[in-house]
Amino acid sequence: MSIDLRKNITDIFNVILFYIFRFMAVFLGLYLGYFIISKYLENRNNILDELCLTNPQNCSQIDIYRPPQGSTFIAKENVSQIWFWYNGVYLYVYGQASGQCSPLGDQAFTPVTVFQMNYDNENNIQFTQVPNECIPTYDYIINRYVTEMGAKKETVILYRKDPSEINSIYNVIKNMIDNKIFVL
């Protein structure tokens, strides 16, 4: 009976050693993999930051509704919570203009800041502010885009080259143009 007990204790000890070595091998493999990948990517100009995987403060998430045809869209930049609508000619920025608009029937209107966008000789975008207007709410425009034009919501994550600069509508639009989200 003591031989069986000794054999059982030896078997249990061998199983425990087997799993300890297996755990150590997996742990060592994970550690070496992490070490190699982190050293490899360290010299890659922070590619994980540019992909917005490690530092989301450097990124802007934009929800866009745009019809399949045409160069119009309505979008929301999620860092600054700014809604803006580009109708192909003018850029309407919600929540920036003061004043009130009168409803027309059951249709609600909201005051918006209006910009005309153009390129200058050096391919820099120029915003020319025109008088504020009262236009339909962004909910109405989204509903119209979805129901009448077949627009679907797209979410785009864009890397901000200089996260210290203010996230203004100019910078958001410039980043969208630079990343070919839309073309003027």
Protein backbone atom coordinates (compact mmCIF):
# COMPACT_ATOMS: atom_id res chain seq x y z
CA MET A 1 0.00 0.00 0.00
CA SER A 2 2.85 2.40 0.64
CA ILE A 3 4.12 1.74 -2.91
CA ASP A 4 0.73 2.79 -4.32
CA LEU A 5 0.67 5.89 -2.15
CA ARG A 6 4.19 6.82 -3.21
CA LYS A 7 3.26 6.21 -6.88
CA ASN A 8 0.13 8.37 -6.51
CA ILE A 9 2.08 11.20 -4.89
CA THR A 10 4.72 10.97 -7.63
CA ASP A 11 2.01 11.04 -10.32
CA ILE A 12 0.34 14.08 -8.72
CA PHE A 13 3.69 15.84 -8.41
CA ASN A 14 4.49 15.08 -12.09
CA VAL A 15 1.12 16.48 -13.21
CA ILE A 16 1.63 19.65 -11.15
CA LEU A 17 5.12 20.11 -12.61
CA PHE A 18 3.77 19.52 -16.13
CA TYR A 19 1.17 22.30 -15.73
CA ILE A 20 3.63 24.67 -14.04
CA PHE A 21 6.07 24.28 -16.95
CA ARG A 22 3.24 24.66 -19.47
CA PHE A 23 2.03 27.85 -17.76
CA MET A 24 5.56 29.24 -17.62
CA ALA A 25 6.09 28.48 -21.32
CA VAL A 26 2.84 30.25 -22.29
CA PHE A 27 3.64 33.21 -20.04
CA LEU A 28 7.19 33.46 -21.43
CA GLY A 29 5.84 33.28 -25.00
CA LEU A 30 3.32 36.05 -24.36
CA TYR A 31 5.94 38.23 -22.70
CA LEU A 32 8.46 37.74 -25.51
CA GLY A 33 5.77 38.38 -28.12
CA TYR A 34 4.73 41.61 -26.41
CA PHE A 35 8.35 42.69 -26.01
CA ILE A 36 9.23 42.01 -29.65
CA ILE A 37 6.10 43.66 -31.03
CA SER A 38 6.42 46.72 -28.79
CA LYS A 39 10.09 47.19 -29.75
CA TYR A 40 9.24 46.69 -33.44
CA LEU A 41 6.37 49.18 -33.38
CA GLU A 42 8.30 51.68 -31.26
CA ASN A 43 10.34 52.58 -34.31
CA ARG A 44 7.32 52.72 -36.61
CA ASN A 45 6.30 56.33 -35.88
CA ASN A 46 3.64 55.29 -33.42
CA ILE A 47 1.55 53.49 -36.03
CA LEU A 48 -0.84 52.34 -33.33
CA ASP A 49 -1.48 55.97 -32.38
CA GLU A 50 -2.20 56.84 -36.01
CA LEU A 51 -4.63 53.93 -36.19
CA CYS A 52 -6.28 55.37 -33.06
CA LEU A 53 -5.74 52.14 -31.13
CA THR A 54 -3.50 53.34 -28.30
CA ASN A 55 -4.21 57.06 -27.90
CA PRO A 56 -7.78 58.01 -28.78
CA GLN A 57 -7.22 61.64 -27.68
CA ASN A 58 -5.39 62.09 -31.00
CA CYS A 59 -8.44 61.05 -32.99
CA SER A 60 -11.77 62.39 -34.12
CA GLN A 61 -14.76 60.16 -34.65
CA ILE A 62 -17.19 61.47 -37.22
CA ASP A 63 -20.64 60.05 -37.93
CA ILE A 64 -21.61 60.83 -41.53
CA TYR A 65 -24.86 60.44 -43.43
CA ARG A 66 -24.43 60.89 -47.16
CA PRO A 67 -26.43 59.72 -50.13
CA PRO A 68 -24.81 57.26 -52.57
CA GLN A 69 -24.72 59.92 -55.30
CA GLY A 70 -23.70 63.51 -54.82
CA SER A 71 -21.27 65.47 -52.74
CA THR A 72 -23.56 66.41 -49.87
CA PHE A 73 -23.51 65.05 -46.35
CA ILE A 74 -24.56 65.75 -42.80
CA ALA A 75 -22.17 64.78 -40.04
CA LYS A 76 -21.42 64.98 -36.34
CA GLU A 77 -17.93 65.29 -34.94
CA ASN A 78 -18.09 63.37 -31.66
CA VAL A 79 -15.28 65.09 -29.74
CA SER A 80 -16.75 68.59 -30.02
CA GLN A 81 -20.34 67.36 -30.57
CA ILE A 82 -20.67 69.71 -33.58
CA TRP A 83 -23.28 68.88 -36.23
CA PHE A 84 -22.63 70.26 -39.71
CA TRP A 85 -24.28 69.92 -43.09
CA TYR A 86 -22.62 70.45 -46.46
CA ASN A 87 -25.15 70.83 -49.26
CA GLY A 88 -22.61 71.03 -52.08
CA VAL A 89 -22.29 74.81 -51.90
CA TYR A 90 -22.51 75.93 -48.29
CA LEU A 91 -21.43 74.48 -44.96
CA TYR A 92 -24.05 74.91 -42.24
CA VAL A 93 -22.78 74.57 -38.67
CA TYR A 94 -25.39 73.82 -36.03
CA GLY A 95 -25.25 75.19 -32.49
CA GLN A 96 -22.96 78.13 -33.24
CA ALA A 97 -25.41 80.86 -34.30
CA SER A 98 -27.55 82.86 -31.92
CA GLY A 99 -31.16 83.76 -32.46
CA GLN A 100 -34.42 81.96 -32.94
CA CYS A 101 -36.30 80.61 -35.92
CA SER A 102 -40.04 80.40 -36.34
CA PRO A 103 -41.49 76.97 -37.13
CA LEU A 104 -43.30 76.51 -40.41
CA GLY A 105 -46.26 74.23 -39.77
CA ASP A 106 -44.93 71.23 -37.90
CA GLN A 107 -41.41 71.71 -39.33
CA ALA A 108 -38.85 73.00 -36.81
CA PHE A 109 -36.01 75.28 -37.91
CA THR A 110 -32.80 76.22 -36.17
CA PRO A 111 -30.32 79.08 -36.65
CA VAL A 112 -26.99 78.04 -38.14
CA THR A 113 -23.69 79.63 -39.02
CA VAL A 114 -23.12 79.49 -42.78
CA PHE A 115 -19.78 79.24 -44.59
CA GLN A 116 -18.86 79.11 -48.24
CA MET A 117 -15.77 76.96 -48.76
CA ASN A 118 -13.16 77.51 -51.47
CA TYR A 119 -9.57 76.56 -52.16
CA ASP A 120 -6.91 79.24 -52.47
CA ASN A 121 -3.89 79.09 -54.80
CA GLU A 122 -1.93 76.85 -52.41
CA ASN A 123 -4.76 74.32 -51.96
CA ASN A 124 -5.66 75.64 -48.53
CA ILE A 125 -9.32 75.68 -47.75
CA GLN A 126 -10.85 79.09 -47.12
CA PHE A 127 -14.03 79.67 -45.19
CA THR A 128 -16.03 82.75 -46.05
CA GLN A 129 -18.78 83.38 -43.54
CA VAL A 130 -22.07 84.49 -45.04
CA PRO A 131 -25.12 85.66 -43.06
CA ASN A 132 -26.66 83.15 -40.68
CA GLU A 133 -29.77 81.32 -41.83
CA CYS A 134 -32.65 79.34 -40.41
CA ILE A 135 -32.67 75.79 -41.81
CA PRO A 136 -34.38 72.51 -40.84
CA THR A 137 -33.00 70.65 -37.82
CA TYR A 138 -30.32 68.02 -38.38
CA ASP A 139 -32.81 65.29 -37.37
CA TYR A 140 -35.07 66.32 -40.25
CA ILE A 141 -32.18 66.36 -42.74
CA ILE A 142 -30.91 62.96 -41.57
CA ASN A 143 -34.41 61.52 -41.90
CA ARG A 144 -34.71 62.97 -45.42
CA TYR A 145 -31.29 61.64 -46.44
CA VAL A 146 -32.09 58.17 -45.13
CA THR A 147 -35.67 57.83 -46.41
CA GLU A 148 -35.52 59.72 -49.71
CA MET A 149 -31.89 59.31 -50.80
CA GLY A 150 -30.89 55.98 -49.25
CA ALA A 151 -28.11 57.36 -47.07
CA LYS A 152 -26.56 55.12 -44.46
CA LYS A 153 -24.65 56.09 -41.35
CA GLU A 154 -20.88 55.80 -41.69
CA THR A 155 -18.48 56.19 -38.79
CA VAL A 156 -15.03 57.46 -39.69
CA ILE A 157 -12.13 57.74 -37.27
CA LEU A 158 -9.54 60.28 -38.30
CA TYR A 159 -6.11 60.85 -36.79
CA ARG A 160 -5.47 64.43 -35.68
CA LYS A 161 -1.90 65.42 -36.50
CA ASP A 162 -1.78 68.02 -33.76
CA PRO A 163 -4.10 67.05 -30.88
CA SER A 164 -3.21 70.22 -28.99
CA GLU A 165 -4.91 72.44 -31.56
CA ILE A 166 -8.52 73.34 -30.99
CA ASN A 167 -10.95 70.96 -32.64
CA SER A 168 -12.71 73.63 -34.71
CA ILE A 169 -14.98 73.07 -37.67
CA TYR A 170 -12.15 74.26 -39.91
CA ASN A 171 -9.81 71.55 -38.63
CA VAL A 172 -12.51 68.87 -38.88
CA ILE A 173 -13.36 69.77 -42.49
CA LYS A 174 -9.67 70.10 -43.45
CA ASN A 175 -8.97 66.66 -41.97
CA MET A 176 -11.95 65.18 -43.84
CA ILE A 177 -10.71 66.69 -47.14
CA ASP A 178 -7.12 65.57 -46.49
CA ASN A 179 -8.39 62.01 -45.90
CA LYS A 180 -10.61 62.19 -49.00
CA ILE A 181 -13.84 61.73 -47.07
CA PHE A 182 -15.29 64.27 -49.48
CA VAL A 183 -14.02 66.53 -52.24
CA LEU A 184 -14.96 70.16 -52.84
